[in-house]
Every structure is written in C-alpha cells, then in structure tokens.
Amino acid sequence: MTDIALISMSVTILLIMTGFIKKNSVFLFILQAVWMWVLLAGNTNSIDYGVNSAIFDFAEADSGIPYQSVMYWFARQGYDYFAFNAVVATAALILLYIFIYKNSQNPCFVMSLIFIFPFVDFVIQKRFFIASILSILFLYIFIAKKGLLWKIIAVLFFFLAVTTHEGTALFLMFFLYPLFVRCHRKKLFFGGFFFLALILAAFLPQIAAMLPFVGEARAELYFVALHEKIKYPVLTTLVFTLMHTGFILLYYWLYRCSSAHGRASYMGKAVLYLDVLSLLILPAYYWEPTFFRMFRTLLPFNYIAISNMMPVGQIYKKKLFFQGVRYIVFAGIIFLGYYFVLSAGFDVVAQPIFEDNILFE
C-alpha cells in the first residue's frame, strides 16, 4: 500500500471517529463533506472506471435518455469522462448533503456511517450512485410530502433514476408504501406480496428482458453471464439475506429502544416500513447479489433516523449508546466482509479510491 493510500485512509478514519463523538458539529460536517467530495469527484481509477468511461465514449455518438443526454452534451463540448463525472458527482453530493443536514439533528454521525458503508461503492458504481441519489429524493418526496403535485415530482425523480440505472426499477415496490402504512393487517399484507415476489423471482430474467429500459442484452448480462459466475447461488443468497436482514433487525431494536426513551419520530417509523418492504428484494439475490445495492440506497434513511434517536451533541444515553455501537460494529463488519471476502479484494476494490485521485498526483 502506498503512502498516499495510508494517509488518505487515516484521514478518513479520523473523520469517522470524530463524527461519532461530535455528532452535530457544523465545522466537522463541512470537513467530512469536503473530504467525501475529494475522494469521490477526484477519483481517477476504480474497478468500474473503464466501464463507465466506455459508456461515456458511446454517448458521443448519440443523445437519448436524460442521463445519456447529459453525457452527450459534455462529450460534444470536448470534456472527458473525468470532467463529466466530477461535475455530476458534485451535484449529486450537494443534494445528499442537503438531504442529510436538513433531516438529521446529528449529521456528522450520518456521514461517519456513510463513510463506513457504502461510500466505497458510491465511488466505484458511479452511474448507480447518481441513480441512488435520485431514488433517495423520490422516496423522500413520496413518503414525506402530500398533494398530487408532490407525487408527480416524486414519480419524475423515479423516472430519472430508472433511466440513469435500470436497476432502480426494483424501487417500484415502494409504491406499495401508502397501502402498507394504512393496512391494519401488515403481516398478512407483507406475506402475500413476499409470496408474489418469490413467484416473480423465478421469471425475473424474462420479465427484465421485456422492460424497455432493461432489454435482452442487460437481462442476459445480469441473469445469465453474471449468474453463471456464482459458484454457490443458494449460499450467496443466504449471505446477502443475512446482511440485509441484519441491518433491519439492528435498526428495529434501536427504534424500539428509542421509543421506550420517548424519542420515536415519524421518520423513524417510516424508515422501518421502507425497510420491511425492501425485504421483497430477497428472492432476487439468487440471481445476482448486486441487487443488494437496492437496499444500500435505503441506508442514508436508516442512518438519519438512527442519528435522530441519539441525543444531540456529545451526549449518549447508556441503552441507546450500546445499541448504537452494535449498529456501528455491524456496519464495520459488513465493510470488512464485503470488500475483503465477497469482492475481488480490498487492494483491487477499495484501495484505488484512497490513492488514485487527481488531487494526489
């Protein structure tokens, strides 16, 4: 590992640890935001960089869907992929920062958790990162705002997300949210739709191939080429199911603990409902574990809700403190397992993020 990588990783770890102590410092939040921007917008090499750059080169030939049209404009102006990604990623990060700061009483706590997981994937999966921010805005407006105009705006963000990355089409399940909230027999409601998800999962390749924003080529990639590389599909499904449900169970225990201390909130319950609906994704893990990125998009919601369960500032309550530590430790374990065991290895997947940067050259 290079000296640059060690230094930048040390800075990141320091900002993470400080964020858990000074949870609502404006100055620290700005430092965390700037450092996150440096690592993300300034990145010049990652495991998917070549793929995303090739997509940008293809956009020079023709404009099309909104995201491709933006690439087309940048390419026609003579900008390279790095410049395009830096500008678009900066805009997406600003939206994420505003979302966190507006909704969290302890924004530094949220940023620290994001740095642990899934920030590395934010940098690697550049196109999905943009789509995930659009999906966050879709979900926030859809569940928090009332009125027809707001619902139309939410649907517009959903459309932009899907046309940026077809994987976000699975967020269709969250249109069930209003029905789920109003339903008095939630277990029966969820059980029925989970059974339906199990049935549909068997035909997911055929369904995906028929969708205009996916098509046969993408369906072939995800459900044939990538699926065939999985040696033990059942074991992989189990591992990602445990990761997914682990986050949700820890959140649920935190939510119950905070409710007992009188810190329950509308957003806390709304996030719990979103988490439960996200379990409809589980059958899709059999085909391709990258569907985990769908739940990963919900993590900023979880982190914000958890941060609001904590007292403001450096104060912690004993029970909430230990529940919070369990959640943080679990996120750390997921980071280690995800990038050291389940992927191509830390040196291939994560290390370039901390050393290949235009500002480090």
Protein backbone atom coordinates (compact mmCIF):
# COMPACT_ATOMS: atom_id res chain seq x y z
CA MET A 1 0.00 0.00 0.00
CA THR A 2 1.35 3.43 -0.95
CA ASP A 3 1.98 6.29 1.48
CA ILE A 4 -0.80 8.30 -0.18
CA ALA A 5 -3.30 5.50 0.45
CA LEU A 6 -2.24 5.21 4.11
CA ILE A 7 -2.54 8.96 4.65
CA SER A 8 -5.93 9.32 2.96
CA MET A 9 -7.30 6.25 4.79
CA SER A 10 -6.02 7.68 8.08
CA VAL A 11 -7.77 11.00 7.38
CA THR A 12 -10.98 9.10 6.60
CA ILE A 13 -10.79 7.03 9.80
CA LEU A 14 -10.12 10.16 11.87
CA LEU A 15 -13.15 11.92 10.37
CA ILE A 16 -15.30 8.83 11.01
CA MET A 17 -14.30 8.54 14.69
CA THR A 18 -14.65 12.27 15.30
CA GLY A 19 -18.11 12.22 13.70
CA PHE A 20 -19.35 9.72 16.28
CA ILE A 21 -18.15 11.99 19.10
CA LYS A 22 -19.07 15.47 17.81
CA LYS A 23 -22.25 14.37 16.15
CA ASN A 24 -23.69 17.77 15.24
CA SER A 25 -20.68 19.99 14.63
CA VAL A 26 -21.21 22.22 11.60
CA PHE A 27 -17.46 22.65 11.11
CA LEU A 28 -16.85 18.88 11.21
CA PHE A 29 -19.76 18.25 8.84
CA ILE A 30 -18.16 20.64 6.33
CA LEU A 31 -14.80 18.85 6.71
CA GLN A 32 -16.45 15.45 6.18
CA ALA A 33 -18.37 16.76 3.18
CA VAL A 34 -15.26 18.26 1.56
CA TRP A 35 -13.22 15.08 2.10
CA MET A 36 -16.01 12.92 0.71
CA TRP A 37 -16.16 15.19 -2.33
CA VAL A 38 -12.36 14.96 -2.80
CA LEU A 39 -12.40 11.16 -2.76
CA LEU A 40 -15.48 10.79 -4.95
CA ALA A 41 -15.30 13.60 -7.50
CA GLY A 42 -11.50 13.48 -7.78
CA ASN A 43 -11.25 9.71 -8.30
CA THR A 44 -9.28 8.78 -11.42
CA ASN A 45 -9.32 4.99 -11.16
CA SER A 46 -11.60 2.33 -9.71
CA ILE A 47 -12.65 -1.18 -10.61
CA ASP A 48 -15.56 0.07 -12.79
CA TYR A 49 -13.89 3.24 -14.08
CA GLY A 50 -13.14 1.76 -17.51
CA VAL A 51 -16.72 0.52 -17.97
CA ASN A 52 -18.20 3.91 -17.07
CA SER A 53 -15.69 5.68 -19.30
CA ALA A 54 -16.70 3.42 -22.21
CA ILE A 55 -20.36 4.30 -21.63
CA PHE A 56 -19.38 7.97 -21.81
CA ASP A 57 -17.49 7.39 -25.08
CA PHE A 58 -20.56 5.70 -26.53
CA ALA A 59 -22.67 8.74 -25.61
CA GLU A 60 -20.59 10.86 -28.01
CA ALA A 61 -22.36 9.14 -30.88
CA ASP A 62 -25.93 9.89 -29.87
CA SER A 63 -28.12 11.51 -27.23
CA GLY A 64 -31.05 9.66 -25.72
CA ILE A 65 -32.36 9.21 -22.19
CA PRO A 66 -31.73 12.16 -19.80
CA TYR A 67 -28.50 10.80 -18.27
CA GLN A 68 -27.14 9.91 -21.70
CA SER A 69 -28.13 13.34 -23.00
CA VAL A 70 -26.05 14.98 -20.27
CA MET A 71 -23.08 12.78 -21.22
CA TYR A 72 -23.69 13.63 -24.88
CA TRP A 73 -23.57 17.37 -24.10
CA PHE A 74 -20.33 17.05 -22.13
CA ALA A 75 -18.74 14.92 -24.86
CA ARG A 76 -19.79 17.39 -27.59
CA GLN A 77 -18.19 20.21 -25.60
CA GLY A 78 -14.90 18.34 -25.60
CA TYR A 79 -14.86 17.27 -21.96
CA ASP A 80 -13.53 13.85 -20.97
CA TYR A 81 -15.19 11.32 -18.67
CA PHE A 82 -13.34 12.56 -15.58
CA ALA A 83 -14.71 16.10 -16.01
CA PHE A 84 -18.24 14.80 -16.62
CA ASN A 85 -18.16 12.57 -13.54
CA ALA A 86 -16.64 15.29 -11.34
CA VAL A 87 -19.41 17.76 -12.21
CA VAL A 88 -22.31 15.30 -11.98
CA ALA A 89 -20.98 13.67 -8.79
CA THR A 90 -20.55 17.11 -7.20
CA ALA A 91 -24.18 17.97 -7.94
CA ALA A 92 -25.34 14.61 -6.53
CA LEU A 93 -23.24 15.04 -3.38
CA ILE A 94 -24.64 18.52 -2.77
CA LEU A 95 -28.16 17.05 -2.90
CA LEU A 96 -27.10 14.30 -0.48
CA TYR A 97 -25.52 16.82 1.92
CA ILE A 98 -28.67 18.98 1.89
CA PHE A 99 -30.84 15.91 2.48
CA ILE A 100 -28.72 14.81 5.45
CA TYR A 101 -28.31 18.25 7.02
CA LYS A 102 -31.98 19.12 6.66
CA ASN A 103 -33.28 15.88 8.17
CA SER A 104 -30.67 14.95 10.80
CA GLN A 105 -30.03 16.51 14.20
CA ASN A 106 -26.63 14.79 14.22
CA PRO A 107 -25.40 14.99 10.60
CA CYS A 108 -21.77 14.11 11.40
CA PHE A 109 -22.97 10.79 12.83
CA VAL A 110 -24.71 10.08 9.50
CA MET A 111 -21.64 10.99 7.45
CA SER A 112 -19.45 8.71 9.57
CA LEU A 113 -21.75 5.75 8.92
CA ILE A 114 -21.83 6.51 5.19
CA PHE A 115 -18.01 6.58 5.12
CA ILE A 116 -18.01 3.08 6.67
CA PHE A 117 -20.61 1.73 4.26
CA PRO A 118 -21.47 2.24 1.42
CA PHE A 119 -19.15 5.13 0.45
CA VAL A 120 -16.67 2.87 -1.37
CA ASP A 121 -19.49 1.70 -3.63
CA PHE A 122 -20.55 5.31 -4.19
CA VAL A 123 -17.13 5.88 -5.78
CA ILE A 124 -16.99 2.60 -7.71
CA GLN A 125 -20.54 2.46 -9.06
CA LYS A 126 -20.57 5.96 -10.47
CA ARG A 127 -23.72 5.66 -12.56
CA PHE A 128 -25.65 3.87 -9.82
CA PHE A 129 -24.51 6.50 -7.31
CA ILE A 130 -26.30 9.17 -9.35
CA ALA A 131 -29.35 6.90 -9.66
CA SER A 132 -29.34 6.22 -5.92
CA ILE A 133 -29.40 9.94 -5.07
CA LEU A 134 -32.35 10.40 -7.44
CA SER A 135 -34.02 7.40 -5.77
CA ILE A 136 -33.47 8.92 -2.32
CA LEU A 137 -35.20 12.12 -3.48
CA PHE A 138 -38.02 10.05 -4.99
CA LEU A 139 -38.58 8.15 -1.74
CA TYR A 140 -38.29 11.22 0.48
CA ILE A 141 -40.82 13.23 -1.53
CA PHE A 142 -43.11 10.22 -1.97
CA ILE A 143 -43.35 9.39 1.74
CA ALA A 144 -42.96 12.84 3.32
CA LYS A 145 -44.84 15.22 1.04
CA LYS A 146 -48.57 15.40 0.44
CA GLY A 147 -50.52 16.54 -2.57
CA LEU A 148 -50.79 15.50 -6.22
CA LEU A 149 -48.06 17.87 -7.41
CA TRP A 150 -45.52 16.37 -4.99
CA LYS A 151 -46.47 12.85 -6.07
CA ILE A 152 -45.90 13.83 -9.72
CA ILE A 153 -42.48 15.26 -8.79
CA ALA A 154 -41.67 12.02 -6.93
CA VAL A 155 -42.59 9.96 -9.98
CA LEU A 156 -40.40 12.22 -12.12
CA PHE A 157 -37.41 11.52 -9.87
CA PHE A 158 -38.21 7.80 -10.09
CA PHE A 159 -38.21 8.03 -13.89
CA LEU A 160 -34.87 9.87 -13.88
CA ALA A 161 -33.40 7.24 -11.55
CA VAL A 162 -34.54 4.32 -13.73
CA THR A 163 -33.28 5.93 -16.92
CA THR A 164 -29.92 6.58 -15.22
CA HIS A 165 -29.60 2.99 -14.00
CA GLU A 166 -32.16 0.32 -14.82
CA GLY A 167 -31.52 -1.47 -11.52
CA THR A 168 -33.57 1.13 -9.65
CA ALA A 169 -36.68 -0.24 -11.39
CA LEU A 170 -36.99 -2.54 -8.37
CA PHE A 171 -37.95 0.56 -6.38
CA LEU A 172 -41.40 0.08 -7.88
CA MET A 173 -42.07 -1.95 -4.74
CA PHE A 174 -42.05 1.25 -2.68
CA PHE A 175 -45.19 2.46 -4.42
CA LEU A 176 -46.80 -0.04 -2.02
CA TYR A 177 -45.79 2.21 0.89
CA PRO A 178 -49.09 4.16 1.28
CA LEU A 179 -51.10 0.92 1.17
CA PHE A 180 -48.76 -0.77 3.65
CA VAL A 181 -48.99 2.15 6.10
CA ARG A 182 -52.79 2.18 6.04
CA CYS A 183 -53.18 -1.60 6.18
CA HIS A 184 -54.26 -2.90 9.60
CA ARG A 185 -53.02 -6.43 8.89
CA LYS A 186 -49.46 -5.65 7.89
CA LYS A 187 -48.11 -9.18 8.39
CA LEU A 188 -50.72 -10.61 6.02
CA PHE A 189 -50.11 -7.78 3.54
CA PHE A 190 -46.37 -8.35 3.53
CA GLY A 191 -46.69 -12.13 3.47
CA GLY A 192 -48.91 -12.00 0.39
CA PHE A 193 -46.55 -9.74 -1.53
CA PHE A 194 -43.48 -11.72 -0.44
CA PHE A 195 -45.09 -14.89 -1.79
CA LEU A 196 -45.76 -13.00 -5.03
CA ALA A 197 -42.11 -11.85 -5.09
CA LEU A 198 -40.97 -15.47 -4.75
CA ILE A 199 -43.07 -16.46 -7.76
CA LEU A 200 -41.97 -13.49 -9.87
CA ALA A 201 -38.31 -14.13 -8.98
CA ALA A 202 -38.45 -17.39 -10.92
CA PHE A 203 -39.36 -15.39 -14.05
CA LEU A 204 -37.20 -12.34 -13.33
CA PRO A 205 -34.90 -12.82 -16.38
CA GLN A 206 -37.88 -12.96 -18.77
CA ILE A 207 -39.60 -10.01 -17.07
CA ALA A 208 -36.42 -7.90 -17.17
CA ALA A 209 -35.86 -8.68 -20.87
CA MET A 210 -39.32 -7.31 -21.72
CA LEU A 211 -38.78 -3.98 -19.94
CA PRO A 212 -37.78 -1.23 -22.41
CA PHE A 213 -35.21 0.33 -20.04
CA VAL A 214 -33.53 -3.06 -19.46
CA GLY A 215 -33.78 -5.09 -22.67
CA GLU A 216 -32.48 -8.51 -23.60
CA ALA A 217 -28.78 -7.57 -23.54
CA ARG A 218 -28.82 -6.26 -19.97
CA ALA A 219 -31.03 -9.14 -18.84
CA GLU A 220 -28.57 -11.59 -20.42
CA LEU A 221 -25.70 -9.91 -18.53
CA TYR A 222 -27.30 -9.92 -15.09
CA PHE A 223 -29.28 -13.15 -15.16
CA VAL A 224 -27.07 -15.38 -17.31
CA ALA A 225 -23.46 -14.18 -17.60
CA LEU A 226 -23.08 -12.85 -14.05
CA HIS A 227 -25.31 -15.52 -12.51
CA GLU A 228 -23.20 -18.32 -14.02
CA LYS A 229 -20.13 -16.91 -12.26
CA ILE A 230 -21.72 -17.56 -8.87
CA LYS A 231 -20.45 -20.93 -7.65
CA TYR A 232 -22.98 -21.39 -4.86
CA PRO A 233 -26.16 -19.38 -5.57
CA VAL A 234 -28.02 -20.65 -2.51
CA LEU A 235 -25.12 -19.82 -0.19
CA THR A 236 -24.72 -16.38 -1.79
CA THR A 237 -28.45 -15.74 -1.34
CA LEU A 238 -28.16 -16.70 2.34
CA VAL A 239 -25.16 -14.43 2.95
CA PHE A 240 -26.77 -11.36 1.39
CA THR A 241 -30.08 -12.13 3.07
CA LEU A 242 -28.30 -12.16 6.44
CA MET A 243 -26.58 -8.85 5.63
CA HIS A 244 -29.87 -7.28 4.56
CA THR A 245 -31.94 -8.55 7.50
CA GLY A 246 -29.09 -7.83 9.93
CA PHE A 247 -29.23 -4.10 9.16
CA ILE A 248 -33.01 -4.12 9.52
CA LEU A 249 -33.08 -6.05 12.82
CA LEU A 250 -30.47 -3.79 14.39
CA TYR A 251 -32.44 -0.76 13.22
CA TYR A 252 -35.64 -2.24 14.65
CA TRP A 253 -34.00 -2.82 18.05
CA LEU A 254 -32.69 0.75 18.03
CA TYR A 255 -36.14 2.04 17.10
CA ARG A 256 -37.78 0.11 19.95
CA CYS A 257 -35.14 1.32 22.39
CA SER A 258 -35.54 4.96 21.32
CA SER A 259 -39.34 4.68 21.51
CA ALA A 260 -39.00 3.48 25.10
CA HIS A 261 -36.97 6.62 25.81
CA GLY A 262 -39.56 8.88 24.18
CA ARG A 263 -37.53 9.59 21.04
CA ALA A 264 -39.88 7.97 18.49
CA SER A 265 -40.47 10.02 15.34
CA TYR A 266 -42.49 9.90 12.15
CA MET A 267 -39.36 9.37 10.08
CA GLY A 268 -38.23 6.55 12.38
CA LYS A 269 -41.43 4.62 11.74
CA ALA A 270 -41.46 5.49 8.03
CA VAL A 271 -37.93 4.10 7.62
CA LEU A 272 -38.98 0.92 9.42
CA TYR A 273 -41.83 0.45 6.92
CA LEU A 274 -39.45 1.07 4.00
CA ASP A 275 -37.03 -1.48 5.44
CA VAL A 276 -39.77 -4.10 5.73
CA LEU A 277 -40.89 -3.52 2.14
CA SER A 278 -37.26 -3.79 1.00
CA LEU A 279 -37.33 -7.45 2.09
CA LEU A 280 -39.28 -8.13 -1.12
CA ILE A 281 -35.86 -7.89 -2.84
CA LEU A 282 -34.54 -11.01 -1.07
CA PRO A 283 -35.56 -13.58 -3.72
CA ALA A 284 -33.63 -11.59 -6.36
CA TYR A 285 -30.33 -12.31 -4.58
CA TYR A 286 -30.42 -15.81 -6.04
CA TRP A 287 -29.84 -14.35 -9.50
CA GLU A 288 -27.30 -11.66 -8.68
CA PRO A 289 -26.12 -10.29 -5.31
CA THR A 290 -25.57 -6.82 -6.81
CA PHE A 291 -29.28 -6.30 -6.14
CA PHE A 292 -28.09 -5.56 -2.60
CA ARG A 293 -27.39 -2.06 -3.89
CA MET A 294 -31.17 -1.52 -3.79
CA PHE A 295 -31.23 -1.84 -0.01
CA ARG A 296 -27.95 0.06 0.21
CA THR A 297 -29.82 3.10 -1.14
CA LEU A 298 -32.02 2.99 1.96
CA LEU A 299 -29.06 3.17 4.34
CA PRO A 300 -28.89 7.02 4.40
CA PHE A 301 -32.54 6.97 5.56
CA ASN A 302 -31.64 4.46 8.26
CA TYR A 303 -28.59 6.45 9.31
CA ILE A 304 -30.55 9.71 9.56
CA ALA A 305 -33.33 8.05 11.57
CA ILE A 306 -30.75 6.49 13.93
CA SER A 307 -28.92 9.80 14.33
CA ASN A 308 -32.19 11.43 15.39
CA MET A 309 -32.67 8.73 18.03
CA MET A 310 -29.40 9.86 19.64
CA PRO A 311 -29.23 12.93 21.91
CA VAL A 312 -27.77 16.00 20.23
CA GLY A 313 -24.05 16.65 20.60
CA GLN A 314 -21.57 14.54 22.53
CA ILE A 315 -24.15 13.11 24.95
CA TYR A 316 -25.23 9.47 24.78
CA LYS A 317 -27.73 7.50 26.84
CA LYS A 318 -26.48 4.15 28.08
CA LYS A 319 -29.00 1.84 26.36
CA LEU A 320 -29.03 3.80 23.12
CA PHE A 321 -25.25 4.02 23.23
CA PHE A 322 -24.77 0.25 23.28
CA GLN A 323 -27.46 -0.30 20.65
CA GLY A 324 -25.75 2.32 18.50
CA VAL A 325 -22.36 0.67 19.00
CA ARG A 326 -23.81 -2.66 17.84
CA TYR A 327 -25.10 -0.98 14.68
CA ILE A 328 -21.76 0.73 14.01
CA VAL A 329 -19.83 -2.50 14.60
CA PHE A 330 -22.17 -4.38 12.25
CA ALA A 331 -21.63 -1.74 9.53
CA GLY A 332 -17.88 -2.16 10.06
CA ILE A 333 -18.16 -5.94 9.77
CA ILE A 334 -20.12 -5.54 6.53
CA PHE A 335 -17.38 -3.23 5.23
CA LEU A 336 -14.67 -5.77 6.04
CA GLY A 337 -16.64 -8.76 4.74
CA TYR A 338 -17.91 -7.00 1.64
CA TYR A 339 -14.56 -5.67 0.45
CA PHE A 340 -12.13 -8.27 1.82
CA VAL A 341 -14.12 -11.51 1.37
CA LEU A 342 -17.07 -11.13 -1.00
CA SER A 343 -15.38 -8.97 -3.63
CA ALA A 344 -12.13 -9.10 -5.62
CA GLY A 345 -10.22 -7.94 -2.54
CA PHE A 346 -9.56 -4.66 -0.73
CA ASP A 347 -6.46 -3.83 -2.79
CA VAL A 348 -8.43 -4.14 -6.04
CA VAL A 349 -11.80 -2.72 -4.99
CA ALA A 350 -11.22 -0.14 -2.26
CA GLN A 351 -7.55 0.85 -2.23
CA PRO A 352 -7.62 2.78 -5.57
CA ILE A 353 -10.22 5.11 -4.05
CA PHE A 354 -7.70 6.28 -1.46
CA GLU A 355 -4.69 6.66 -3.76
CA ASP A 356 -5.84 7.31 -7.36
CA ASN A 357 -7.06 10.87 -7.17
CA ILE A 358 -6.35 13.92 -9.30
CA LEU A 359 -5.53 15.94 -6.18
CA PHE A 360 -2.97 13.37 -5.01
CA GLU A 361 -0.96 13.41 -8.23
